[in-house]
């Protein structure tokens, strides 16, 4: 379904798959394929279930924006430093080709991952709790983190996503909306 230039992507329709390293389960939300790139995409948005302490998959020449969306937190262990991800809805950016593992704090977690082909695509990632305008001429990926946010005239349910092009109004009062404004890099 499309409304106001955005196409709704329902959580029930996300494609289930395995992590690249085979150690976890993910659900592909959307991607822009790019056959000429080693990773096979310009950008990719997916959710993942992290049910145990586990190494993350390597994504050569890809930057990653990791956002905890459910659970009590985890620690990203890069070997030489740790990053505590204690709060939901706080994007953490890191190189996808850097080896790392995660340690769960207290039970399973779910994450939203935005993968960006380095040198081809970048993103300004925002977590919105207000209303306003997304001023961009490029693609916008959005994901309803909680509540029932609106982007243009399209209302999303928690866990649903939408993709559109160009500037858009949004209203996430009483809800939380993830928005990635994509650009060429």
C-alpha atoms as a PDB file:
ATOM      1  CA  UNK A   1       0.000   0.000   0.000  1.00  0.00           C
ATOM      2  CA  UNK A   2       1.273   3.468  -0.861  1.00  0.00           C
ATOM      3  CA  UNK A   3       0.143   6.841   0.422  1.00  0.00           C
ATOM      4  CA  UNK A   4       1.661  10.307   0.060  1.00  0.00           C
ATOM      5  CA  UNK A   5       4.670   8.947  -1.831  1.00  0.00           C
ATOM      6  CA  UNK A   6       5.569   6.326   0.791  1.00  0.00           C
ATOM      7  CA  UNK A   7       5.239   2.584   0.370  1.00  0.00           C
ATOM      8  CA  UNK A   8       4.287   0.598   3.486  1.00  0.00           C
ATOM      9  CA  UNK A   9       6.344  -2.463   4.357  1.00  0.00           C
ATOM     10  CA  UNK A  10       4.456  -4.650   6.835  1.00  0.00           C
ATOM     11  CA  UNK A  11       6.414  -6.568   9.463  1.00  0.00           C
ATOM     12  CA  UNK A  12       4.505  -9.746   8.577  1.00  0.00           C
ATOM     13  CA  UNK A  13       5.982  -9.534   5.052  1.00  0.00           C
ATOM     14  CA  UNK A  14       9.650  -9.170   6.050  1.00  0.00           C
ATOM     15  CA  UNK A  15      11.746 -12.004   4.613  1.00  0.00           C
ATOM     16  CA  UNK A  16      13.276 -14.284   7.260  1.00  0.00           C
ATOM     17  CA  UNK A  17      16.835 -15.465   6.759  1.00  0.00           C
ATOM     18  CA  UNK A  18      20.075 -16.407   8.481  1.00  0.00           C
ATOM     19  CA  UNK A  19      22.921 -14.079   9.347  1.00  0.00           C
ATOM     20  CA  UNK A  20      25.828 -14.223   6.913  1.00  0.00           C
ATOM     21  CA  UNK A  21      27.825 -16.204   9.498  1.00  0.00           C
ATOM     22  CA  UNK A  22      24.859 -18.565  10.080  1.00  0.00           C
ATOM     23  CA  UNK A  23      24.727 -17.833  13.831  1.00  0.00           C
ATOM     24  CA  UNK A  24      21.474 -15.880  14.024  1.00  0.00           C
ATOM     25  CA  UNK A  25      18.127 -15.030  12.439  1.00  0.00           C
ATOM     26  CA  UNK A  26      17.268 -11.799  10.644  1.00  0.00           C
ATOM     27  CA  UNK A  27      14.332 -10.360   8.733  1.00  0.00           C
ATOM     28  CA  UNK A  28      15.029  -8.280   5.649  1.00  0.00           C
ATOM     29  CA  UNK A  29      12.919  -5.132   5.599  1.00  0.00           C
ATOM     30  CA  UNK A  30      14.178  -3.678   2.302  1.00  0.00           C
ATOM     31  CA  UNK A  31      17.298  -3.193   0.214  1.00  0.00           C
ATOM     32  CA  UNK A  32      18.507  -1.495  -2.928  1.00  0.00           C
ATOM     33  CA  UNK A  33      20.382  -4.165  -4.900  1.00  0.00           C
ATOM     34  CA  UNK A  34      23.660  -3.257  -6.618  1.00  0.00           C
ATOM     35  CA  UNK A  35      25.090  -6.116  -8.675  1.00  0.00           C
ATOM     36  CA  UNK A  36      28.384  -4.260  -9.245  1.00  0.00           C
ATOM     37  CA  UNK A  37      29.222  -4.029  -5.536  1.00  0.00           C
ATOM     38  CA  UNK A  38      30.871  -6.837  -3.559  1.00  0.00           C
ATOM     39  CA  UNK A  39      28.175  -6.684  -0.856  1.00  0.00           C
ATOM     40  CA  UNK A  40      25.386  -6.834  -3.468  1.00  0.00           C
ATOM     41  CA  UNK A  41      23.490  -3.734  -2.244  1.00  0.00           C
ATOM     42  CA  UNK A  42      23.745   0.050  -1.909  1.00  0.00           C
ATOM     43  CA  UNK A  43      21.791  -0.117   1.366  1.00  0.00           C
ATOM     44  CA  UNK A  44      19.947  -2.781   3.313  1.00  0.00           C
ATOM     45  CA  UNK A  45      17.586  -2.517   6.302  1.00  0.00           C
ATOM     46  CA  UNK A  46      16.933  -5.593   8.459  1.00  0.00           C
ATOM     47  CA  UNK A  47      15.913  -6.608  11.954  1.00  0.00           C
ATOM     48  CA  UNK A  48      17.772  -9.293  13.876  1.00  0.00           C
ATOM     49  CA  UNK A  49      17.116 -11.477  16.886  1.00  0.00           C
ATOM     50  CA  UNK A  50      20.117 -11.798  19.198  1.00  0.00           C
ATOM     51  CA  UNK A  51      19.334 -14.707  21.494  1.00  0.00           C
ATOM     52  CA  UNK A  52      22.825 -15.429  22.863  1.00  0.00           C
ATOM     53  CA  UNK A  53      26.360 -14.080  23.074  1.00  0.00           C
ATOM     54  CA  UNK A  54      27.578 -14.335  19.489  1.00  0.00           C
ATOM     55  CA  UNK A  55      30.044 -12.954  16.945  1.00  0.00           C
ATOM     56  CA  UNK A  56      28.488 -10.616  14.394  1.00  0.00           C
ATOM     57  CA  UNK A  57      28.736 -11.261  10.646  1.00  0.00           C
ATOM     58  CA  UNK A  58      31.416  -9.399   8.729  1.00  0.00           C
ATOM     59  CA  UNK A  59      30.338  -7.044   5.940  1.00  0.00           C
ATOM     60  CA  UNK A  60      33.425  -5.942   3.969  1.00  0.00           C
ATOM     61  CA  UNK A  61      33.294  -2.348   2.678  1.00  0.00           C
ATOM     62  CA  UNK A  62      30.007  -1.723   4.508  1.00  0.00           C
ATOM     63  CA  UNK A  63      29.182   0.690   7.325  1.00  0.00           C
ATOM     64  CA  UNK A  64      26.552  -0.372   9.800  1.00  0.00           C
ATOM     65  CA  UNK A  65      24.072   1.560  11.949  1.00  0.00           C
ATOM     66  CA  UNK A  66      22.903  -0.711  14.791  1.00  0.00           C
ATOM     67  CA  UNK A  67      19.858   0.256  16.877  1.00  0.00           C
ATOM     68  CA  UNK A  68      18.609  -1.787  19.833  1.00  0.00           C
ATOM     69  CA  UNK A  69      14.808  -2.021  19.542  1.00  0.00           C
ATOM     70  CA  UNK A  70      13.936  -4.657  22.178  1.00  0.00           C
ATOM     71  CA  UNK A  71      15.666  -6.111  25.194  1.00  0.00           C
ATOM     72  CA  UNK A  72      17.765  -5.111  28.190  1.00  0.00           C
ATOM     73  CA  UNK A  73      20.919  -4.212  26.306  1.00  0.00           C
ATOM     74  CA  UNK A  74      24.170  -5.712  25.182  1.00  0.00           C
ATOM     75  CA  UNK A  75      27.865  -4.973  24.877  1.00  0.00           C
ATOM     76  CA  UNK A  76      29.568  -4.773  21.497  1.00  0.00           C
ATOM     77  CA  UNK A  77      33.088  -6.154  21.921  1.00  0.00           C
ATOM     78  CA  UNK A  78      35.505  -4.902  19.241  1.00  0.00           C
ATOM     79  CA  UNK A  79      38.512  -6.573  20.892  1.00  0.00           C
ATOM     80  CA  UNK A  80      40.318  -3.327  21.714  1.00  0.00           C
ATOM     81  CA  UNK A  81      37.236  -1.535  23.067  1.00  0.00           C
ATOM     82  CA  UNK A  82      33.695  -2.207  24.210  1.00  0.00           C
ATOM     83  CA  UNK A  83      30.548  -0.246  23.446  1.00  0.00           C
ATOM     84  CA  UNK A  84      27.690  -0.662  25.929  1.00  0.00           C
ATOM     85  CA  UNK A  85      24.316  -0.485  24.205  1.00  0.00           C
ATOM     86  CA  UNK A  86      22.146  -0.010  27.272  1.00  0.00           C
ATOM     87  CA  UNK A  87      19.292   2.053  25.833  1.00  0.00           C
ATOM     88  CA  UNK A  88      16.798   1.257  23.121  1.00  0.00           C
ATOM     89  CA  UNK A  89      16.439   3.500  20.095  1.00  0.00           C
ATOM     90  CA  UNK A  90      19.987   4.949  20.150  1.00  0.00           C
ATOM     91  CA  UNK A  91      21.758   4.344  16.797  1.00  0.00           C
ATOM     92  CA  UNK A  92      25.375   3.140  17.002  1.00  0.00           C
ATOM     93  CA  UNK A  93      27.514   3.408  13.851  1.00  0.00           C
ATOM     94  CA  UNK A  94      30.542   1.194  13.161  1.00  0.00           C
ATOM     95  CA  UNK A  95      32.413  -0.412  10.245  1.00  0.00           C
ATOM     96  CA  UNK A  96      30.764  -3.678   9.203  1.00  0.00           C
ATOM     97  CA  UNK A  97      34.136  -5.164   8.269  1.00  0.00           C
ATOM     98  CA  UNK A  98      35.499  -4.848  11.804  1.00  0.00           C
ATOM     99  CA  UNK A  99      35.344  -8.152  13.740  1.00  0.00           C
ATOM    100  CA  UNK A 100      33.157  -7.943  16.831  1.00  0.00           C
ATOM    101  CA  UNK A 101      30.989 -10.015  19.089  1.00  0.00           C
ATOM    102  CA  UNK A 102      28.188  -9.141  21.453  1.00  0.00           C
ATOM    103  CA  UNK A 103      27.425 -10.101  25.022  1.00  0.00           C
ATOM    104  CA  UNK A 104      23.827  -9.897  26.185  1.00  0.00           C
ATOM    105  CA  UNK A 105      23.161  -8.108  29.483  1.00  0.00           C
ATOM    106  CA  UNK A 106      19.961  -9.886  30.532  1.00  0.00           C
ATOM    107  CA  UNK A 107      18.156 -11.963  27.933  1.00  0.00           C
ATOM    108  CA  UNK A 108      17.511 -11.770  24.192  1.00  0.00           C
ATOM    109  CA  UNK A 109      17.474  -8.540  22.201  1.00  0.00           C
ATOM    110  CA  UNK A 110      16.226  -7.380  18.830  1.00  0.00           C
ATOM    111  CA  UNK A 111      18.039  -4.845  16.695  1.00  0.00           C
ATOM    112  CA  UNK A 112      17.391  -2.777  13.591  1.00  0.00           C
ATOM    113  CA  UNK A 113      20.413  -2.738  11.280  1.00  0.00           C
ATOM    114  CA  UNK A 114      21.044  -0.339   8.428  1.00  0.00           C
ATOM    115  CA  UNK A 115      23.879  -1.481   6.160  1.00  0.00           C
ATOM    116  CA  UNK A 116      25.457   1.119   3.845  1.00  0.00           C
ATOM    117  CA  UNK A 117      27.855   0.310   1.002  1.00  0.00           C
ATOM    118  CA  UNK A 118      30.878   2.420   1.908  1.00  0.00           C
ATOM    119  CA  UNK A 119      31.664   5.045  -0.721  1.00  0.00           C
ATOM    120  CA  UNK A 120      28.279   4.590  -2.409  1.00  0.00           C
ATOM    121  CA  UNK A 121      25.620   5.420   0.169  1.00  0.00           C
ATOM    122  CA  UNK A 122      25.427   7.225   3.513  1.00  0.00           C
ATOM    123  CA  UNK A 123      22.588   8.058   5.902  1.00  0.00           C
ATOM    124  CA  UNK A 124      21.555  10.652   8.421  1.00  0.00           C
ATOM    125  CA  UNK A 125      19.740   8.442  10.973  1.00  0.00           C
ATOM    126  CA  UNK A 126      17.243  10.080  13.303  1.00  0.00           C
ATOM    127  CA  UNK A 127      14.969   8.797  16.060  1.00  0.00           C
ATOM    128  CA  UNK A 128      11.935  11.096  16.104  1.00  0.00           C
ATOM    129  CA  UNK A 129       9.488  11.719  18.941  1.00  0.00           C
ATOM    130  CA  UNK A 130       7.925  14.942  17.639  1.00  0.00           C
ATOM    131  CA  UNK A 131       6.451  16.246  14.390  1.00  0.00           C
ATOM    132  CA  UNK A 132       7.932  18.169  11.507  1.00  0.00           C
ATOM    133  CA  UNK A 133       9.380  17.889   8.046  1.00  0.00           C
ATOM    134  CA  UNK A 134      12.125  15.599   6.732  1.00  0.00           C
ATOM    135  CA  UNK A 135      13.896  17.905   4.284  1.00  0.00           C
ATOM    136  CA  UNK A 136      15.711  15.724   1.789  1.00  0.00           C
ATOM    137  CA  UNK A 137      15.661  15.051  -1.926  1.00  0.00           C
ATOM    138  CA  UNK A 138      16.787  11.429  -1.549  1.00  0.00           C
ATOM    139  CA  UNK A 139      15.212   8.230  -0.285  1.00  0.00           C
ATOM    140  CA  UNK A 140      13.871   8.002   3.266  1.00  0.00           C
ATOM    141  CA  UNK A 141      13.621   4.707   5.142  1.00  0.00           C
ATOM    142  CA  UNK A 142      11.359   4.775   8.171  1.00  0.00           C
ATOM    143  CA  UNK A 143      10.541   2.206  10.837  1.00  0.00           C
ATOM    144  CA  UNK A 144       7.874   2.466  13.559  1.00  0.00           C
ATOM    145  CA  UNK A 145       9.778   1.771  16.792  1.00  0.00           C
ATOM    146  CA  UNK A 146       6.717   2.219  18.991  1.00  0.00           C
ATOM    147  CA  UNK A 147       3.193   3.543  18.776  1.00  0.00           C
ATOM    148  CA  UNK A 148       1.559   4.515  15.509  1.00  0.00           C
ATOM    149  CA  UNK A 149       3.640   7.252  13.858  1.00  0.00           C
ATOM    150  CA  UNK A 150       2.591   8.962  10.638  1.00  0.00           C
ATOM    151  CA  UNK A 151       4.791   9.780   7.671  1.00  0.00           C
ATOM    152  CA  UNK A 152       2.985  11.939   5.128  1.00  0.00           C
ATOM    153  CA  UNK A 153      -0.537  10.470   5.280  1.00  0.00           C
ATOM    154  CA  UNK A 154       0.619   6.923   5.970  1.00  0.00           C
ATOM    155  CA  UNK A 155       0.114   5.603   9.524  1.00  0.00           C
ATOM    156  CA  UNK A 156       2.509   2.818  10.534  1.00  0.00           C
ATOM    157  CA  UNK A 157       1.976   0.145  13.165  1.00  0.00           C
ATOM    158  CA  UNK A 158       4.819  -0.719  15.556  1.00  0.00           C
ATOM    159  CA  UNK A 159       7.343  -2.842  13.635  1.00  0.00           C
ATOM    160  CA  UNK A 160       6.209  -1.711  10.178  1.00  0.00           C
ATOM    161  CA  UNK A 161       8.425   0.270   7.829  1.00  0.00           C
ATOM    162  CA  UNK A 162       7.999   2.608   4.877  1.00  0.00           C
ATOM    163  CA  UNK A 163      10.145   3.882   2.049  1.00  0.00           C
ATOM    164  CA  UNK A 164       9.703   7.076   0.062  1.00  0.00           C
ATOM    165  CA  UNK A 165      11.548   9.746  -1.875  1.00  0.00           C
ATOM    166  CA  UNK A 166      12.031  13.445  -1.161  1.00  0.00           C
ATOM    167  CA  UNK A 167      10.786  15.730   1.618  1.00  0.00           C
ATOM    168  CA  UNK A 168       8.016  14.424   3.873  1.00  0.00           C
ATOM    169  CA  UNK A 169       6.025  15.487   6.873  1.00  0.00           C
ATOM    170  CA  UNK A 170       5.900  13.232   9.904  1.00  0.00           C
ATOM    171  CA  UNK A 171       4.114  13.063  13.249  1.00  0.00           C
ATOM    172  CA  UNK A 172       5.535  10.800  15.921  1.00  0.00           C
ATOM    173  CA  UNK A 173       4.013  12.481  18.960  1.00  0.00           C
ATOM    174  CA  UNK A 174       3.049   9.633  21.301  1.00  0.00           C
ATOM    175  CA  UNK A 175       5.142   7.281  19.136  1.00  0.00           C
ATOM    176  CA  UNK A 176       8.760   6.787  18.097  1.00  0.00           C
ATOM    177  CA  UNK A 177       9.825   6.833  14.439  1.00  0.00           C
ATOM    178  CA  UNK A 178      13.225   5.804  13.030  1.00  0.00           C
ATOM    179  CA  UNK A 179      14.118   7.731   9.875  1.00  0.00           C
ATOM    180  CA  UNK A 180      17.192   7.222   7.701  1.00  0.00           C
ATOM    181  CA  UNK A 181      17.729   9.960   5.120  1.00  0.00           C
ATOM    182  CA  UNK A 182      19.877   8.316   2.445  1.00  0.00           C
ATOM    183  CA  UNK A 183      22.437  10.170   0.325  1.00  0.00           C
ATOM    184  CA  UNK A 184      25.049   9.330  -2.302  1.00  0.00           C
ATOM    185  CA  UNK A 185      28.547   9.314  -0.855  1.00  0.00           C
END
